[in-house]
Amino acid sequence: QAFLKMKTNISSLLILQVPLYFNGWYLLPFYVGELGLLCYKGIVLPYPARNFFPELLLILLLLGIDVIRIFLGMKGNLTQRKIPLLVSLLLLLPIIFGYLYFIL
């Protein structure tokens, strides 16, 4: 009967933790591929040299924001804090626009 009276407390949402975990693994091939495509465009294709460094900086900035977003999402999920989850959700907007810029 004592077992039935125990209150179970789930510390984090598995449905949020799994996509954050796999998104962390997705980052490496995505950004390596983007850097490879940028180098390919700069070497093989007629690509303006003045656009190379701003796009490289944009890729590195997106990488930094994405790493911070995933870290804050995991931290907020595991500690059940609202502020890191909210910041992680707000950081998703520039990441989406950055992905759309490089994909389209």
N, C-alpha and C. Protein backbone atom coordinates (compact mmCIF):
# COMPACT_ATOMS: atom_id res chain seq x y z
N GLN A 1 0.82 -1.20 0.00
CA GLN A 1 0.00 0.00 0.00
C GLN A 1 0.86 1.26 0.00
N ALA A 2 2.03 1.17 0.60
CA ALA A 2 2.91 2.34 0.61
C ALA A 2 3.37 2.65 -0.81
N PHE A 3 3.51 1.61 -1.61
CA PHE A 3 3.93 1.82 -3.01
C PHE A 3 2.86 2.59 -3.78
N LEU A 4 1.60 2.31 -3.52
CA LEU A 4 0.53 3.00 -4.21
C LEU A 4 0.41 4.45 -3.79
N LYS A 5 0.84 4.77 -2.57
CA LYS A 5 0.74 6.13 -2.06
C LYS A 5 1.91 7.00 -2.53
N MET A 6 2.98 6.38 -3.02
CA MET A 6 4.13 7.16 -3.48
C MET A 6 3.76 7.97 -4.71
N LYS A 7 4.17 9.18 -4.70
CA LYS A 7 3.88 10.05 -5.83
C LYS A 7 5.07 9.99 -6.80
N THR A 8 4.79 9.65 -8.04
CA THR A 8 5.87 9.60 -9.02
C THR A 8 6.06 10.99 -9.60
N ASN A 9 7.32 11.38 -9.71
CA ASN A 9 7.66 12.69 -10.21
C ASN A 9 8.56 12.53 -11.44
N ILE A 10 8.04 12.84 -12.59
CA ILE A 10 8.82 12.73 -13.82
C ILE A 10 9.67 13.99 -13.93
N SER A 11 10.98 13.80 -14.07
CA SER A 11 11.87 14.96 -14.04
C SER A 11 11.98 15.68 -15.36
N SER A 12 11.75 15.02 -16.47
CA SER A 12 11.85 15.71 -17.75
C SER A 12 10.92 15.05 -18.76
N LEU A 13 10.68 15.75 -19.84
CA LEU A 13 9.83 15.23 -20.89
C LEU A 13 10.69 14.49 -21.91
N LEU A 14 10.45 13.21 -22.04
CA LEU A 14 11.20 12.41 -22.99
C LEU A 14 10.90 12.83 -24.42
N ILE A 15 9.66 13.25 -24.66
CA ILE A 15 9.25 13.64 -26.01
C ILE A 15 9.99 14.91 -26.47
N LEU A 16 10.48 15.72 -25.57
CA LEU A 16 11.29 16.89 -25.92
C LEU A 16 12.78 16.54 -25.93
N GLN A 17 13.19 15.68 -25.03
CA GLN A 17 14.62 15.36 -24.91
C GLN A 17 15.14 14.59 -26.11
N VAL A 18 14.36 13.69 -26.67
CA VAL A 18 14.80 12.88 -27.81
C VAL A 18 15.08 13.74 -29.04
N PRO A 19 14.18 14.64 -29.47
CA PRO A 19 14.53 15.48 -30.62
C PRO A 19 15.72 16.40 -30.37
N LEU A 20 15.86 16.90 -29.15
CA LEU A 20 17.03 17.73 -28.85
C LEU A 20 18.32 16.92 -28.95
N TYR A 21 18.28 15.69 -28.47
CA TYR A 21 19.46 14.82 -28.52
C TYR A 21 19.85 14.53 -29.97
N PHE A 22 18.88 14.14 -30.79
CA PHE A 22 19.20 13.80 -32.17
C PHE A 22 19.51 15.04 -33.00
N ASN A 23 18.95 16.19 -32.65
CA ASN A 23 19.31 17.42 -33.33
C ASN A 23 20.77 17.77 -33.07
N GLY A 24 21.27 17.44 -31.88
CA GLY A 24 22.69 17.63 -31.60
C GLY A 24 23.56 16.79 -32.50
N TRP A 25 23.14 15.58 -32.80
CA TRP A 25 23.89 14.72 -33.72
C TRP A 25 23.73 15.17 -35.16
N TYR A 26 22.63 15.81 -35.48
CA TYR A 26 22.39 16.29 -36.83
C TYR A 26 23.26 17.51 -37.16
N LEU A 27 23.64 18.26 -36.16
CA LEU A 27 24.40 19.49 -36.38
C LEU A 27 25.71 19.25 -37.12
N LEU A 28 26.45 18.25 -36.71
CA LEU A 28 27.78 18.01 -37.29
C LEU A 28 27.71 17.76 -38.80
N PRO A 29 26.93 16.79 -39.30
CA PRO A 29 26.92 16.61 -40.75
C PRO A 29 26.32 17.80 -41.51
N PHE A 30 25.35 18.48 -40.91
CA PHE A 30 24.75 19.62 -41.61
C PHE A 30 25.77 20.74 -41.81
N TYR A 31 26.46 21.12 -40.74
CA TYR A 31 27.39 22.24 -40.86
C TYR A 31 28.66 21.85 -41.61
N VAL A 32 29.11 20.62 -41.51
CA VAL A 32 30.24 20.18 -42.33
C VAL A 32 29.84 20.22 -43.81
N GLY A 33 28.64 19.77 -44.12
CA GLY A 33 28.15 19.83 -45.49
C GLY A 33 28.01 21.26 -45.99
N GLU A 34 27.50 22.15 -45.15
CA GLU A 34 27.35 23.55 -45.55
C GLU A 34 28.70 24.20 -45.78
N LEU A 35 29.68 23.91 -44.91
CA LEU A 35 31.01 24.47 -45.12
C LEU A 35 31.65 23.89 -46.37
N GLY A 36 31.42 22.61 -46.63
CA GLY A 36 31.94 21.99 -47.85
C GLY A 36 31.32 22.61 -49.10
N LEU A 37 30.02 22.84 -49.07
CA LEU A 37 29.36 23.48 -50.21
C LEU A 37 29.85 24.91 -50.41
N LEU A 38 30.09 25.61 -49.33
CA LEU A 38 30.59 26.97 -49.45
C LEU A 38 31.99 26.98 -50.07
N CYS A 39 32.83 26.07 -49.65
CA CYS A 39 34.17 25.95 -50.24
C CYS A 39 34.08 25.54 -51.71
N TYR A 40 33.18 24.64 -52.03
CA TYR A 40 32.99 24.21 -53.42
C TYR A 40 32.54 25.39 -54.28
N LYS A 41 31.60 26.18 -53.76
CA LYS A 41 31.14 27.35 -54.51
C LYS A 41 32.28 28.34 -54.72
N GLY A 42 33.11 28.50 -53.69
CA GLY A 42 34.20 29.47 -53.79
C GLY A 42 35.31 29.03 -54.73
N ILE A 43 35.53 27.73 -54.88
CA ILE A 43 36.64 27.24 -55.69
C ILE A 43 36.20 26.94 -57.12
N VAL A 44 35.12 26.21 -57.28
CA VAL A 44 34.74 25.70 -58.60
C VAL A 44 33.80 26.65 -59.35
N LEU A 45 32.81 27.15 -58.68
CA LEU A 45 31.80 27.96 -59.36
C LEU A 45 32.22 29.44 -59.40
N PRO A 46 31.67 30.18 -60.35
CA PRO A 46 31.95 31.63 -60.37
C PRO A 46 31.19 32.32 -59.24
N TYR A 47 31.81 32.43 -58.12
CA TYR A 47 31.18 32.94 -56.90
C TYR A 47 31.93 34.19 -56.47
N PRO A 48 31.24 35.29 -56.20
CA PRO A 48 31.94 36.52 -55.80
C PRO A 48 32.71 36.33 -54.49
N ALA A 49 33.96 36.75 -54.50
CA ALA A 49 34.81 36.58 -53.33
C ALA A 49 34.31 37.40 -52.14
N ARG A 50 33.65 38.52 -52.43
CA ARG A 50 33.16 39.36 -51.33
C ARG A 50 32.02 38.70 -50.56
N ASN A 51 31.37 37.69 -51.12
CA ASN A 51 30.29 36.99 -50.43
C ASN A 51 30.78 35.81 -49.61
N PHE A 52 32.02 35.38 -49.83
CA PHE A 52 32.50 34.17 -49.17
C PHE A 52 32.61 34.35 -47.65
N PHE A 53 33.29 35.38 -47.21
CA PHE A 53 33.52 35.55 -45.78
C PHE A 53 32.25 35.91 -44.99
N PRO A 54 31.37 36.75 -45.52
CA PRO A 54 30.12 36.97 -44.77
C PRO A 54 29.28 35.70 -44.62
N GLU A 55 29.25 34.86 -45.66
CA GLU A 55 28.50 33.61 -45.54
C GLU A 55 29.18 32.65 -44.58
N LEU A 56 30.51 32.63 -44.58
CA LEU A 56 31.24 31.80 -43.63
C LEU A 56 30.94 32.24 -42.20
N LEU A 57 30.96 33.54 -41.97
CA LEU A 57 30.63 34.06 -40.63
C LEU A 57 29.19 33.74 -40.25
N LEU A 58 28.29 33.80 -41.22
CA LEU A 58 26.89 33.48 -40.94
C LEU A 58 26.73 32.01 -40.57
N ILE A 59 27.43 31.13 -41.26
CA ILE A 59 27.37 29.70 -40.92
C ILE A 59 27.91 29.46 -39.51
N LEU A 60 29.03 30.09 -39.17
CA LEU A 60 29.61 29.92 -37.84
C LEU A 60 28.71 30.52 -36.76
N LEU A 61 28.08 31.65 -37.06
CA LEU A 61 27.14 32.25 -36.12
C LEU A 61 25.93 31.35 -35.89
N LEU A 62 25.40 30.79 -36.98
CA LEU A 62 24.27 29.86 -36.84
C LEU A 62 24.66 28.62 -36.05
N LEU A 63 25.87 28.13 -36.26
CA LEU A 63 26.34 26.98 -35.50
C LEU A 63 26.37 27.30 -34.01
N GLY A 64 26.92 28.47 -33.67
CA GLY A 64 26.97 28.87 -32.25
C GLY A 64 25.59 29.02 -31.64
N ILE A 65 24.68 29.66 -32.37
CA ILE A 65 23.31 29.84 -31.86
C ILE A 65 22.62 28.49 -31.71
N ASP A 66 22.84 27.59 -32.67
CA ASP A 66 22.20 26.27 -32.62
C ASP A 66 22.71 25.45 -31.43
N VAL A 67 24.00 25.51 -31.18
CA VAL A 67 24.56 24.78 -30.03
C VAL A 67 24.00 25.34 -28.72
N ILE A 68 23.94 26.66 -28.62
CA ILE A 68 23.37 27.28 -27.41
C ILE A 68 21.90 26.92 -27.26
N ARG A 69 21.16 26.92 -28.37
CA ARG A 69 19.73 26.58 -28.32
C ARG A 69 19.51 25.15 -27.82
N ILE A 70 20.29 24.22 -28.34
CA ILE A 70 20.13 22.83 -27.91
C ILE A 70 20.55 22.66 -26.46
N PHE A 71 21.65 23.32 -26.06
CA PHE A 71 22.09 23.23 -24.67
C PHE A 71 21.03 23.78 -23.72
N LEU A 72 20.49 24.96 -24.03
CA LEU A 72 19.47 25.54 -23.16
C LEU A 72 18.19 24.71 -23.14
N GLY A 73 17.82 24.13 -24.29
CA GLY A 73 16.63 23.27 -24.33
C GLY A 73 16.81 22.04 -23.47
N MET A 74 17.97 21.40 -23.57
CA MET A 74 18.21 20.21 -22.74
C MET A 74 18.29 20.57 -21.26
N LYS A 75 18.99 21.67 -20.95
CA LYS A 75 19.11 22.09 -19.56
C LYS A 75 17.76 22.46 -18.97
N GLY A 76 16.96 23.22 -19.73
CA GLY A 76 15.64 23.60 -19.25
C GLY A 76 14.71 22.42 -19.09
N ASN A 77 14.84 21.44 -19.98
CA ASN A 77 14.00 20.25 -19.90
C ASN A 77 14.39 19.40 -18.69
N LEU A 78 15.67 19.19 -18.50
CA LEU A 78 16.11 18.33 -17.40
C LEU A 78 15.90 18.97 -16.03
N THR A 79 16.03 20.29 -15.95
CA THR A 79 15.84 20.97 -14.66
C THR A 79 14.43 21.51 -14.47
N GLN A 80 13.60 21.37 -15.49
CA GLN A 80 12.22 21.85 -15.47
C GLN A 80 12.13 23.35 -15.20
N ARG A 81 13.02 24.09 -15.86
CA ARG A 81 13.00 25.56 -15.75
C ARG A 81 12.37 26.14 -17.01
N LYS A 82 11.60 27.16 -16.83
CA LYS A 82 10.89 27.75 -17.97
C LYS A 82 11.74 28.71 -18.77
N ILE A 83 12.63 29.44 -18.11
CA ILE A 83 13.42 30.47 -18.79
C ILE A 83 14.34 29.85 -19.85
N PRO A 84 15.15 28.80 -19.54
CA PRO A 84 15.98 28.23 -20.60
C PRO A 84 15.17 27.65 -21.76
N LEU A 85 14.02 27.07 -21.46
CA LEU A 85 13.17 26.55 -22.53
C LEU A 85 12.61 27.68 -23.39
N LEU A 86 12.23 28.78 -22.78
CA LEU A 86 11.72 29.92 -23.53
C LEU A 86 12.81 30.54 -24.41
N VAL A 87 14.02 30.69 -23.85
CA VAL A 87 15.13 31.23 -24.64
C VAL A 87 15.47 30.29 -25.79
N SER A 88 15.45 28.98 -25.51
CA SER A 88 15.70 28.01 -26.57
C SER A 88 14.66 28.10 -27.67
N LEU A 89 13.43 28.31 -27.30
CA LEU A 89 12.36 28.45 -28.28
C LEU A 89 12.51 29.75 -29.08
N LEU A 90 12.93 30.83 -28.42
CA LEU A 90 13.14 32.10 -29.13
C LEU A 90 14.34 32.03 -30.07
N LEU A 91 15.37 31.27 -29.70
CA LEU A 91 16.53 31.10 -30.56
C LEU A 91 16.22 30.25 -31.79
N LEU A 92 15.10 29.58 -31.76
CA LEU A 92 14.70 28.76 -32.91
C LEU A 92 14.37 29.63 -34.13
N LEU A 93 13.87 30.84 -33.91
CA LEU A 93 13.48 31.71 -35.03
C LEU A 93 14.67 32.09 -35.92
N PRO A 94 15.80 32.60 -35.38
CA PRO A 94 16.91 32.90 -36.28
C PRO A 94 17.51 31.65 -36.92
N ILE A 95 17.42 30.52 -36.24
CA ILE A 95 17.93 29.28 -36.81
C ILE A 95 17.09 28.87 -38.02
N ILE A 96 15.79 28.99 -37.91
CA ILE A 96 14.91 28.65 -39.04
C ILE A 96 15.21 29.54 -40.24
N PHE A 97 15.35 30.85 -40.00
CA PHE A 97 15.65 31.76 -41.10
C PHE A 97 17.03 31.48 -41.69
N GLY A 98 17.98 31.12 -40.85
CA GLY A 98 19.32 30.77 -41.36
C GLY A 98 19.29 29.51 -42.19
N TYR A 99 18.56 28.50 -41.73
CA TYR A 99 18.44 27.27 -42.52
C TYR A 99 17.78 27.55 -43.86
N LEU A 100 16.73 28.36 -43.85
CA LEU A 100 16.05 28.69 -45.09
C LEU A 100 16.97 29.47 -46.04
N TYR A 101 17.79 30.35 -45.50
CA TYR A 101 18.72 31.11 -46.33
C TYR A 101 19.70 30.18 -47.04
N PHE A 102 20.25 29.21 -46.31
CA PHE A 102 21.26 28.35 -46.90
C PHE A 102 20.66 27.22 -47.74
N ILE A 103 19.46 26.82 -47.44
CA ILE A 103 18.85 25.73 -48.23
C ILE A 103 18.25 26.29 -49.53
N LEU A 104 17.62 27.44 -49.45
CA LEU A 104 17.01 28.01 -50.64
C LEU A 104 18.03 28.87 -51.32
